[in-house]
N, C-alpha and C. Protein backbone atom coordinates (compact mmCIF):
# COMPACT_ATOMS: atom_id res chain seq x y z
N UNK A 1 2.41 -11.71 20.02
CA UNK A 1 1.69 -11.12 18.90
C UNK A 1 2.65 -10.42 17.93
N UNK A 2 3.60 -9.68 18.48
CA UNK A 2 4.52 -8.92 17.64
C UNK A 2 5.42 -9.87 16.86
N UNK A 3 5.87 -10.95 17.51
CA UNK A 3 6.76 -11.89 16.83
C UNK A 3 6.04 -12.64 15.72
N UNK A 4 4.77 -12.96 15.95
CA UNK A 4 4.00 -13.65 14.90
C UNK A 4 3.79 -12.72 13.71
N UNK A 5 3.49 -11.46 13.97
CA UNK A 5 3.30 -10.51 12.88
C UNK A 5 4.61 -10.26 12.13
N UNK A 6 5.68 -10.11 12.85
CA UNK A 6 6.98 -9.89 12.21
C UNK A 6 7.41 -11.12 11.41
N UNK A 7 7.21 -12.30 11.97
CA UNK A 7 7.53 -13.52 11.25
C UNK A 7 6.68 -13.68 9.99
N UNK A 8 5.39 -13.34 10.09
CA UNK A 8 4.51 -13.42 8.92
C UNK A 8 4.94 -12.45 7.83
N UNK A 9 5.32 -11.26 8.23
CA UNK A 9 5.77 -10.26 7.25
C UNK A 9 7.05 -10.72 6.56
N UNK A 10 7.96 -11.28 7.31
CA UNK A 10 9.22 -11.77 6.72
C UNK A 10 8.94 -12.94 5.78
N UNK A 11 8.05 -13.82 6.17
CA UNK A 11 7.69 -14.96 5.31
C UNK A 11 7.05 -14.45 4.02
N UNK A 12 6.18 -13.45 4.12
CA UNK A 12 5.53 -12.90 2.93
C UNK A 12 6.52 -12.25 1.97
N UNK A 13 7.43 -11.47 2.51
CA UNK A 13 8.44 -10.86 1.66
C UNK A 13 9.37 -11.91 1.05
N UNK A 14 9.69 -12.92 1.83
CA UNK A 14 10.54 -13.99 1.32
C UNK A 14 9.86 -14.77 0.20
N UNK A 15 8.58 -15.06 0.37
CA UNK A 15 7.84 -15.79 -0.66
C UNK A 15 7.72 -14.95 -1.93
N UNK A 16 7.44 -13.66 -1.78
CA UNK A 16 7.33 -12.79 -2.95
C UNK A 16 8.68 -12.64 -3.65
N UNK A 17 9.74 -12.50 -2.88
CA UNK A 17 11.07 -12.37 -3.47
C UNK A 17 11.45 -13.65 -4.22
N UNK A 18 11.15 -14.80 -3.61
CA UNK A 18 11.46 -16.07 -4.26
C UNK A 18 10.66 -16.24 -5.55
N UNK A 19 9.40 -15.83 -5.52
CA UNK A 19 8.57 -15.93 -6.73
C UNK A 19 9.12 -15.03 -7.84
N UNK A 20 9.53 -13.82 -7.48
CA UNK A 20 10.11 -12.92 -8.47
C UNK A 20 11.45 -13.43 -8.98
N UNK A 21 12.20 -14.06 -8.13
CA UNK A 21 13.51 -14.58 -8.51
C UNK A 21 13.39 -15.80 -9.43
N UNK A 22 12.41 -16.66 -9.13
CA UNK A 22 12.24 -17.87 -9.93
C UNK A 22 11.49 -17.62 -11.24
N UNK A 23 10.50 -16.72 -11.21
CA UNK A 23 9.65 -16.47 -12.39
C UNK A 23 9.53 -14.97 -12.64
N UNK A 24 10.59 -14.30 -13.07
CA UNK A 24 10.55 -12.83 -13.17
C UNK A 24 9.58 -12.30 -14.23
N UNK A 25 9.33 -13.07 -15.29
CA UNK A 25 8.46 -12.56 -16.36
C UNK A 25 7.00 -12.90 -16.16
N UNK A 26 6.69 -13.64 -15.13
CA UNK A 26 5.31 -14.08 -14.94
C UNK A 26 4.51 -13.18 -14.01
N UNK A 27 5.14 -12.17 -13.43
CA UNK A 27 4.45 -11.26 -12.53
C UNK A 27 4.38 -9.88 -13.16
N UNK A 28 3.24 -9.19 -13.01
CA UNK A 28 3.05 -7.92 -13.71
C UNK A 28 3.94 -6.78 -13.20
N UNK A 29 4.20 -6.73 -11.92
CA UNK A 29 4.96 -5.63 -11.36
C UNK A 29 5.72 -6.12 -10.12
N UNK A 30 6.96 -5.70 -10.01
CA UNK A 30 7.77 -6.11 -8.86
C UNK A 30 7.19 -5.55 -7.55
N UNK A 31 6.82 -4.28 -7.55
CA UNK A 31 6.29 -3.66 -6.34
C UNK A 31 4.96 -4.30 -5.93
N UNK A 32 4.10 -4.55 -6.91
CA UNK A 32 2.81 -5.17 -6.62
C UNK A 32 3.00 -6.57 -6.03
N UNK A 33 3.93 -7.31 -6.55
CA UNK A 33 4.19 -8.66 -6.06
C UNK A 33 4.72 -8.64 -4.63
N UNK A 34 5.65 -7.75 -4.35
CA UNK A 34 6.21 -7.66 -2.99
C UNK A 34 5.16 -7.22 -1.98
N UNK A 35 4.35 -6.24 -2.34
CA UNK A 35 3.32 -5.75 -1.42
C UNK A 35 2.25 -6.82 -1.21
N UNK A 36 1.86 -7.51 -2.27
CA UNK A 36 0.86 -8.56 -2.14
C UNK A 36 1.35 -9.68 -1.24
N UNK A 37 2.58 -10.10 -1.42
CA UNK A 37 3.13 -11.14 -0.55
C UNK A 37 3.19 -10.71 0.90
N UNK A 38 3.61 -9.49 1.14
CA UNK A 38 3.70 -8.96 2.51
C UNK A 38 2.34 -8.88 3.16
N UNK A 39 1.40 -8.23 2.51
CA UNK A 39 0.08 -8.00 3.11
C UNK A 39 -0.69 -9.30 3.27
N UNK A 40 -0.64 -10.17 2.27
CA UNK A 40 -1.38 -11.44 2.35
C UNK A 40 -0.86 -12.31 3.48
N UNK A 41 0.44 -12.42 3.60
CA UNK A 41 1.01 -13.25 4.67
C UNK A 41 0.76 -12.64 6.04
N UNK A 42 0.87 -11.35 6.14
CA UNK A 42 0.60 -10.68 7.41
C UNK A 42 -0.85 -10.88 7.83
N UNK A 43 -1.76 -10.71 6.90
CA UNK A 43 -3.18 -10.89 7.20
C UNK A 43 -3.48 -12.35 7.57
N UNK A 44 -2.96 -13.28 6.79
CA UNK A 44 -3.19 -14.69 7.09
C UNK A 44 -2.61 -15.10 8.44
N UNK A 45 -1.43 -14.62 8.75
CA UNK A 45 -0.80 -14.97 10.03
C UNK A 45 -1.52 -14.36 11.22
N UNK A 46 -1.93 -13.11 11.10
CA UNK A 46 -2.59 -12.44 12.22
C UNK A 46 -3.98 -13.03 12.47
N UNK A 47 -4.73 -13.30 11.42
CA UNK A 47 -6.06 -13.90 11.59
C UNK A 47 -5.93 -15.29 12.21
N UNK A 48 -4.97 -16.07 11.75
CA UNK A 48 -4.77 -17.40 12.32
C UNK A 48 -4.34 -17.31 13.77
N UNK A 49 -3.53 -16.34 14.10
CA UNK A 49 -3.09 -16.16 15.49
C UNK A 49 -4.27 -15.85 16.40
N UNK A 50 -5.22 -15.04 15.92
CA UNK A 50 -6.41 -14.74 16.72
C UNK A 50 -7.29 -15.97 16.88
N UNK A 51 -7.37 -16.79 15.85
CA UNK A 51 -8.22 -17.98 15.91
C UNK A 51 -7.59 -19.05 16.80
N UNK A 52 -6.30 -19.31 16.62
CA UNK A 52 -5.61 -20.38 17.36
C UNK A 52 -5.35 -19.96 18.80
N UNK A 53 -4.99 -18.71 18.99
CA UNK A 53 -4.68 -18.22 20.32
C UNK A 53 -3.19 -18.16 20.57
N UNK A 54 -2.80 -17.62 21.72
CA UNK A 54 -1.37 -17.48 22.03
C UNK A 54 -0.75 -18.83 22.39
N UNK A 55 0.56 -18.88 22.27
CA UNK A 55 1.28 -20.07 22.68
C UNK A 55 1.67 -20.99 21.54
N UNK A 56 1.18 -20.74 20.36
CA UNK A 56 1.53 -21.59 19.23
C UNK A 56 1.98 -20.68 18.09
N UNK A 57 3.25 -20.72 17.77
CA UNK A 57 3.79 -19.84 16.74
C UNK A 57 3.88 -20.51 15.38
N UNK A 58 3.97 -21.83 15.35
CA UNK A 58 4.15 -22.53 14.08
C UNK A 58 2.91 -22.47 13.19
N UNK A 59 1.73 -22.61 13.76
CA UNK A 59 0.51 -22.64 12.96
C UNK A 59 0.26 -21.30 12.26
N UNK A 60 0.36 -20.15 12.94
CA UNK A 60 0.19 -18.89 12.21
C UNK A 60 1.23 -18.64 11.13
N UNK A 61 2.46 -19.10 11.35
CA UNK A 61 3.48 -18.92 10.33
C UNK A 61 3.22 -19.80 9.11
N UNK A 62 2.74 -21.01 9.33
CA UNK A 62 2.37 -21.88 8.20
C UNK A 62 1.16 -21.32 7.45
N UNK A 63 0.21 -20.78 8.19
CA UNK A 63 -0.95 -20.16 7.55
C UNK A 63 -0.53 -18.92 6.77
N UNK A 64 0.42 -18.17 7.29
CA UNK A 64 0.91 -16.98 6.59
C UNK A 64 1.55 -17.39 5.27
N UNK A 65 2.31 -18.46 5.28
CA UNK A 65 2.93 -18.94 4.04
C UNK A 65 1.86 -19.41 3.05
N UNK A 66 0.87 -20.11 3.53
CA UNK A 66 -0.20 -20.60 2.66
C UNK A 66 -1.02 -19.49 2.04
N UNK A 67 -1.44 -18.53 2.83
CA UNK A 67 -2.24 -17.41 2.31
C UNK A 67 -1.40 -16.55 1.37
N UNK A 68 -0.16 -16.31 1.73
CA UNK A 68 0.71 -15.51 0.87
C UNK A 68 0.93 -16.18 -0.48
N UNK A 69 1.18 -17.48 -0.47
CA UNK A 69 1.39 -18.21 -1.73
C UNK A 69 0.11 -18.25 -2.56
N UNK A 70 -1.02 -18.41 -1.89
CA UNK A 70 -2.30 -18.45 -2.62
C UNK A 70 -2.59 -17.12 -3.32
N UNK A 71 -2.38 -16.02 -2.62
CA UNK A 71 -2.66 -14.73 -3.25
C UNK A 71 -1.60 -14.33 -4.27
N UNK A 72 -0.38 -14.76 -4.07
CA UNK A 72 0.64 -14.51 -5.09
C UNK A 72 0.33 -15.28 -6.37
N UNK A 73 -0.25 -16.46 -6.22
CA UNK A 73 -0.58 -17.25 -7.41
C UNK A 73 -1.66 -16.57 -8.26
N UNK A 74 -2.45 -15.70 -7.67
CA UNK A 74 -3.46 -14.98 -8.43
C UNK A 74 -2.84 -13.92 -9.34
N UNK A 75 -1.61 -13.52 -9.07
CA UNK A 75 -0.95 -12.51 -9.89
C UNK A 75 -0.22 -13.10 -11.09
N UNK A 76 -0.02 -14.40 -11.11
CA UNK A 76 0.76 -15.04 -12.17
C UNK A 76 0.01 -14.92 -13.50
N UNK A 77 0.77 -14.58 -14.53
CA UNK A 77 0.20 -14.48 -15.87
C UNK A 77 1.12 -15.18 -16.86
N UNK A 78 0.59 -15.44 -18.05
CA UNK A 78 1.36 -16.08 -19.10
C UNK A 78 2.37 -15.07 -19.64
N UNK A 79 3.66 -15.42 -19.73
CA UNK A 79 4.66 -14.44 -20.16
C UNK A 79 4.48 -13.99 -21.61
N UNK A 80 3.87 -14.79 -22.46
CA UNK A 80 3.70 -14.41 -23.85
C UNK A 80 2.39 -13.67 -24.11
N UNK A 81 1.55 -13.60 -23.12
CA UNK A 81 0.24 -12.98 -23.30
C UNK A 81 0.35 -11.46 -23.29
N UNK A 82 -0.29 -10.83 -24.27
CA UNK A 82 -0.31 -9.38 -24.32
C UNK A 82 -1.50 -8.86 -23.55
N UNK A 83 -1.35 -7.68 -23.02
CA UNK A 83 -2.45 -7.07 -22.26
C UNK A 83 -3.53 -6.60 -23.22
N UNK A 84 -4.75 -6.82 -22.85
CA UNK A 84 -5.87 -6.38 -23.68
C UNK A 84 -6.50 -5.15 -23.06
N UNK A 85 -7.05 -4.36 -23.91
CA UNK A 85 -7.75 -3.17 -23.45
C UNK A 85 -9.13 -3.59 -22.94
N UNK A 86 -9.63 -2.88 -21.97
CA UNK A 86 -10.96 -3.17 -21.44
C UNK A 86 -12.06 -2.72 -22.39
N UNK A 87 -11.72 -1.79 -23.25
CA UNK A 87 -12.69 -1.27 -24.22
C UNK A 87 -12.47 -1.97 -25.54
N UNK A 88 -13.52 -2.61 -26.08
CA UNK A 88 -13.34 -3.29 -27.36
C UNK A 88 -13.17 -2.28 -28.50
N UNK A 89 -12.34 -2.65 -29.45
CA UNK A 89 -12.10 -1.79 -30.61
C UNK A 89 -13.19 -2.05 -31.66
N UNK A 90 -13.72 -0.99 -32.20
CA UNK A 90 -14.70 -1.14 -33.26
C UNK A 90 -14.12 -0.57 -34.53
N UNK A 91 -14.39 -1.23 -35.62
CA UNK A 91 -13.84 -0.77 -36.89
C UNK A 91 -14.92 -0.30 -37.81
């Protein structure tokens, strides 16, 4: 259990670091991206480990990579897009 969680956390940080390294302007915040990759991969790996059961380490690690990449993709934004206010401006 500990090795699967540790491996999932390392995979999540690695995926987030790679995403920041390859596309630095497409993510809103470095800290948010790293934490999202870590937590998403850890959660995906641990849930898969409980479903699959002990004795298989490859499946939870692949699931950790998949869940981490999927949630990191939700943070991607257009680099030229400006942030809009939630409150509309009235003139």
